[in-house]
C-alpha atoms as a PDB file:
ATOM      1  CA  MET A   1       1.783 -48.775 -13.515  1.00  0.00           C
ATOM      2  CA  GLY A   2       2.074 -48.853  -9.700  1.00  0.00           C
ATOM      3  CA  CYS A   3       3.554 -45.356  -9.579  1.00  0.00           C
ATOM      4  CA  SER A   4       0.837 -43.997 -11.832  1.00  0.00           C
ATOM      5  CA  ASP A   5      -1.877 -45.548  -9.677  1.00  0.00           C
ATOM      6  CA  LEU A   6      -0.236 -44.146  -6.534  1.00  0.00           C
ATOM      7  CA  PHE A   7      -0.081 -40.673  -8.104  1.00  0.00           C
ATOM      8  CA  HIS A   8      -3.742 -40.759  -9.086  1.00  0.00           C
ATOM      9  CA  CYS A   9      -4.714 -42.078  -5.645  1.00  0.00           C
ATOM     10  CA  VAL A  10      -2.874 -39.279  -3.811  1.00  0.00           C
ATOM     11  CA  SER A  11      -4.067 -36.670  -6.299  1.00  0.00           C
ATOM     12  CA  ARG A  12      -7.672 -37.780  -5.900  1.00  0.00           C
ATOM     13  CA  ARG A  13      -7.498 -37.642  -2.077  1.00  0.00           C
ATOM     14  CA  ILE A  14      -5.969 -34.165  -2.108  1.00  0.00           C
ATOM     15  CA  SER A  15      -8.553 -33.016  -4.636  1.00  0.00           C
ATOM     16  CA  GLU A  16     -11.391 -34.382  -2.493  1.00  0.00           C
ATOM     17  CA  ALA A  17      -9.981 -32.685   0.631  1.00  0.00           C
ATOM     18  CA  PHE A  18      -9.803 -29.307  -1.109  1.00  0.00           C
ATOM     19  CA  GLY A  19     -13.283 -29.873  -2.514  1.00  0.00           C
ATOM     20  CA  ARG A  20     -14.684 -30.413   1.003  1.00  0.00           C
ATOM     21  CA  TYR A  21     -12.780 -27.346   2.241  1.00  0.00           C
ATOM     22  CA  GLY A  22     -14.231 -25.287  -0.617  1.00  0.00           C
ATOM     23  CA  ASN A  23     -17.749 -26.418   0.297  1.00  0.00           C
ATOM     24  CA  VAL A  24     -17.237 -25.317   3.925  1.00  0.00           C
ATOM     25  CA  VAL A  25     -15.916 -21.921   2.801  1.00  0.00           C
ATOM     26  CA  ALA A  26     -18.857 -21.523   0.405  1.00  0.00           C
ATOM     27  CA  ARG A  27     -21.402 -22.366   3.135  1.00  0.00           C
ATOM     28  CA  TYR A  28     -19.895 -20.070   5.816  1.00  0.00           C
ATOM     29  CA  PRO A  29     -18.108 -17.186   4.040  1.00  0.00           C
ATOM     30  CA  ALA A  30     -18.641 -14.708   6.881  1.00  0.00           C
ATOM     31  CA  ALA A  31     -16.772 -16.942   9.308  1.00  0.00           C
ATOM     32  CA  PHE A  32     -13.802 -17.115   6.946  1.00  0.00           C
ATOM     33  CA  ILE A  33     -13.706 -13.321   6.788  1.00  0.00           C
ATOM     34  CA  ILE A  34     -14.500 -12.386  10.395  1.00  0.00           C
ATOM     35  CA  VAL A  35     -12.344 -14.980  12.177  1.00  0.00           C
ATOM     36  CA  PRO A  36      -9.076 -14.024  10.404  1.00  0.00           C
ATOM     37  CA  VAL A  37      -9.748 -10.329  11.044  1.00  0.00           C
ATOM     38  CA  LEU A  38     -10.344 -11.023  14.753  1.00  0.00           C
ATOM     39  CA  VAL A  39      -7.232 -13.198  15.000  1.00  0.00           C
ATOM     40  CA  CYS A  40      -5.170 -10.501  13.270  1.00  0.00           C
ATOM     41  CA  ALA A  41      -6.547  -7.808  15.602  1.00  0.00           C
ATOM     42  CA  ALA A  42      -5.842  -9.932  18.661  1.00  0.00           C
ATOM     43  CA  LEU A  43      -2.276 -10.624  17.583  1.00  0.00           C
ATOM     44  CA  THR A  44      -1.506  -7.004  16.686  1.00  0.00           C
ATOM     45  CA  SER A  45      -2.852  -5.708  20.004  1.00  0.00           C
ATOM     46  CA  GLY A  46       0.465  -6.697  21.548  1.00  0.00           C
ATOM     47  CA  PHE A  47       2.180  -3.865  19.684  1.00  0.00           C
ATOM     48  CA  PHE A  48       0.277  -1.344  21.801  1.00  0.00           C
ATOM     49  CA  LEU A  49       1.874  -2.835  24.904  1.00  0.00           C
ATOM     50  CA  PHE A  50       5.363  -2.701  23.389  1.00  0.00           C
ATOM     51  CA  ARG A  51       6.983   0.346  24.997  1.00  0.00           C
ATOM     52  CA  ASP A  52      10.697  -0.491  25.097  1.00  0.00           C
ATOM     53  CA  SER A  53      11.893   0.603  21.679  1.00  0.00           C
ATOM     54  CA  GLU A  54      15.658   0.846  21.928  1.00  0.00           C
ATOM     55  CA  ASN A  55      17.255   2.238  18.797  1.00  0.00           C
ATOM     56  CA  ASN A  56      20.776   2.929  20.004  1.00  0.00           C
ATOM     57  CA  ILE A  57      22.941   0.619  17.897  1.00  0.00           C
ATOM     58  CA  GLU A  58      25.701   0.519  20.491  1.00  0.00           C
ATOM     59  CA  ALA A  59      23.276  -0.516  23.232  1.00  0.00           C
ATOM     60  CA  LEU A  60      21.664  -3.145  21.010  1.00  0.00           C
ATOM     61  CA  TYR A  61      24.677  -4.865  19.497  1.00  0.00           C
ATOM     62  CA  SER A  62      27.615  -4.462  21.873  1.00  0.00           C
ATOM     63  CA  PRO A  63      28.107  -6.525  25.043  1.00  0.00           C
ATOM     64  CA  MET A  64      27.199  -4.830  28.319  1.00  0.00           C
ATOM     65  CA  ASN A  65      30.700  -4.728  29.835  1.00  0.00           C
ATOM     66  CA  SER A  66      32.698  -4.488  26.625  1.00  0.00           C
ATOM     67  CA  ARG A  67      35.801  -2.412  26.093  1.00  0.00           C
ATOM     68  CA  SER A  68      34.078  -0.363  23.400  1.00  0.00           C
ATOM     69  CA  ARG A  69      31.441   0.831  25.872  1.00  0.00           C
ATOM     70  CA  SER A  70      34.024   1.764  28.486  1.00  0.00           C
ATOM     71  CA  ASP A  71      36.085   3.541  25.814  1.00  0.00           C
ATOM     72  CA  ARG A  72      32.983   5.470  24.729  1.00  0.00           C
ATOM     73  CA  GLU A  73      32.475   6.657  28.318  1.00  0.00           C
ATOM     74  CA  LYS A  74      36.139   7.753  28.503  1.00  0.00           C
ATOM     75  CA  VAL A  75      35.782   9.708  25.253  1.00  0.00           C
ATOM     76  CA  LYS A  76      32.618  11.393  26.552  1.00  0.00           C
ATOM     77  CA  ALA A  77      34.441  12.339  29.767  1.00  0.00           C
ATOM     78  CA  LEU A  78      37.537  13.653  27.965  1.00  0.00           C
ATOM     79  CA  PHE A  79      35.694  15.472  25.175  1.00  0.00           C
ATOM     80  CA  PRO A  80      32.372  16.807  26.496  1.00  0.00           C
ATOM     81  CA  ASP A  81      29.822  18.356  24.179  1.00  0.00           C
ATOM     82  CA  GLY A  82      30.980  21.945  23.939  1.00  0.00           C
ATOM     83  CA  SER A  83      29.073  22.849  20.810  1.00  0.00           C
ATOM     84  CA  GLY A  84      26.883  25.466  22.504  1.00  0.00           C
ATOM     85  CA  ASP A  85      26.231  28.259  20.015  1.00  0.00           C
ATOM     86  CA  PHE A  86      28.607  26.840  17.408  1.00  0.00           C
ATOM     87  CA  TYR A  87      26.801  23.585  16.781  1.00  0.00           C
ATOM     88  CA  ASN A  88      28.585  21.216  14.438  1.00  0.00           C
ATOM     89  CA  PRO A  89      27.158  17.688  14.378  1.00  0.00           C
ATOM     90  CA  LEU A  90      30.442  16.288  13.084  1.00  0.00           C
ATOM     91  CA  ASN A  91      32.217  17.347  16.301  1.00  0.00           C
ATOM     92  CA  LEU A  92      29.892  15.374  18.544  1.00  0.00           C
ATOM     93  CA  ASN A  93      31.059  12.066  19.975  1.00  0.00           C
ATOM     94  CA  ASP A  94      27.491  10.745  19.684  1.00  0.00           C
ATOM     95  CA  HIS A  95      25.942  11.306  16.277  1.00  0.00           C
ATOM     96  CA  PRO A  96      22.187  11.898  16.608  1.00  0.00           C
ATOM     97  CA  LEU A  97      19.648  10.778  14.049  1.00  0.00           C
ATOM     98  CA  GLY A  98      18.547  13.537  11.782  1.00  0.00           C
ATOM     99  CA  GLY A  99      18.950  15.247   8.507  1.00  0.00           C
ATOM    100  CA  ILE A 100      21.103  18.029   7.145  1.00  0.00           C
ATOM    101  CA  VAL A 101      20.011  20.477   4.470  1.00  0.00           C
ATOM    102  CA  ILE A 102      22.794  21.769   2.230  1.00  0.00           C
ATOM    103  CA  PHE A 103      22.186  24.848   0.107  1.00  0.00           C
ATOM    104  CA  ARG A 104      24.160  25.531  -3.072  1.00  0.00           C
ATOM    105  CA  SER A 105      23.984  28.464  -5.425  1.00  0.00           C
ATOM    106  CA  LYS A 106      22.055  27.782  -8.631  1.00  0.00           C
ATOM    107  CA  ASN A 107      24.591  29.371 -10.950  1.00  0.00           C
ATOM    108  CA  GLY A 108      27.728  28.279  -9.076  1.00  0.00           C
ATOM    109  CA  SER A 109      28.431  31.747  -7.660  1.00  0.00           C
ATOM    110  CA  ASN A 110      28.752  32.817  -4.043  1.00  0.00           C
ATOM    111  CA  ILE A 111      25.892  31.562  -1.851  1.00  0.00           C
ATOM    112  CA  LEU A 112      26.081  34.688   0.322  1.00  0.00           C
ATOM    113  CA  ASN A 113      24.485  37.024  -2.208  1.00  0.00           C
ATOM    114  CA  SER A 114      21.135  38.612  -1.411  1.00  0.00           C
ATOM    115  CA  GLU A 115      19.156  36.513  -3.905  1.00  0.00           C
ATOM    116  CA  SER A 116      20.423  33.194  -2.517  1.00  0.00           C
ATOM    117  CA  LEU A 117      19.939  34.285   1.078  1.00  0.00           C
ATOM    118  CA  GLN A 118      16.366  35.318   0.310  1.00  0.00           C
ATOM    119  CA  GLU A 119      15.649  31.875  -1.172  1.00  0.00           C
ATOM    120  CA  ILE A 120      17.086  30.232   1.949  1.00  0.00           C
ATOM    121  CA  LYS A 121      14.863  32.426   4.150  1.00  0.00           C
ATOM    122  CA  ASP A 122      11.842  31.498   2.026  1.00  0.00           C
ATOM    123  CA  PHE A 123      12.715  27.811   2.377  1.00  0.00           C
ATOM    124  CA  VAL A 124      12.906  28.104   6.165  1.00  0.00           C
ATOM    125  CA  LYS A 125       9.531  29.902   6.270  1.00  0.00           C
ATOM    126  CA  VAL A 126       7.808  27.276   4.107  1.00  0.00           C
ATOM    127  CA  ARG A 127       9.108  24.218   5.989  1.00  0.00           C
ATOM    128  CA  PRO A 128       6.851  22.911   8.754  1.00  0.00           C
ATOM    129  CA  LEU A 129       8.023  23.196  12.315  1.00  0.00           C
ATOM    130  CA  PHE A 130      10.365  20.458  13.388  1.00  0.00           C
ATOM    131  CA  ASN A 131       9.934  18.963  16.796  1.00  0.00           C
ATOM    132  CA  ALA A 132      11.587  15.907  18.204  1.00  0.00           C
ATOM    133  CA  GLN A 133      11.657  14.045  21.473  1.00  0.00           C
ATOM    134  CA  ASP A 134      14.599  12.119  22.874  1.00  0.00           C
ATOM    135  CA  PHE A 135      13.068   9.681  25.339  1.00  0.00           C
ATOM    136  CA  VAL A 136      16.429   8.362  26.528  1.00  0.00           C
ATOM    137  CA  GLU A 137      17.883  11.673  27.708  1.00  0.00           C
ATOM    138  CA  GLN A 138      14.486  13.381  28.162  1.00  0.00           C
ATOM    139  CA  ARG A 139      15.175  16.237  25.724  1.00  0.00           C
ATOM    140  CA  HIS A 140      12.713  18.047  23.481  1.00  0.00           C
ATOM    141  CA  TRP A 141      13.335  20.298  20.461  1.00  0.00           C
ATOM    142  CA  ASP A 142      10.969  22.744  18.795  1.00  0.00           C
ATOM    143  CA  GLY A 143      11.794  24.937  15.866  1.00  0.00           C
ATOM    144  CA  PRO A 144      11.908  25.294  12.122  1.00  0.00           C
ATOM    145  CA  ILE A 145      13.787  22.830   9.981  1.00  0.00           C
END
């Protein structure tokens, strides 16, 4: 019996507390809408001040003076980016973020026929211009995808 009385006592107090809270919300509904919106706006305003957005995985997750970082610098010194006109992203020692479009022939024949090449040209014309900014190395790209 004692446990049952304790349960009903606690249940009644919690029920009364939520009842009083409901009455306050019912009397002042605008305050319970405006105040959370203002608090949310104030807390999200900090994102506008957040400028340092590092996305280099090596810089984020490897120690500053680690062997992997020094080895990366040695590889960059020994094998500089010589892609020039013959750009191949798989030959780079730093793989940039981006996408690759691969074209295949519809009927399994040679992709270098005039019909396939015309479709590729049409695809390039339809795609919006691609532009990107690398804020770390201060580079900018403009061109079609």
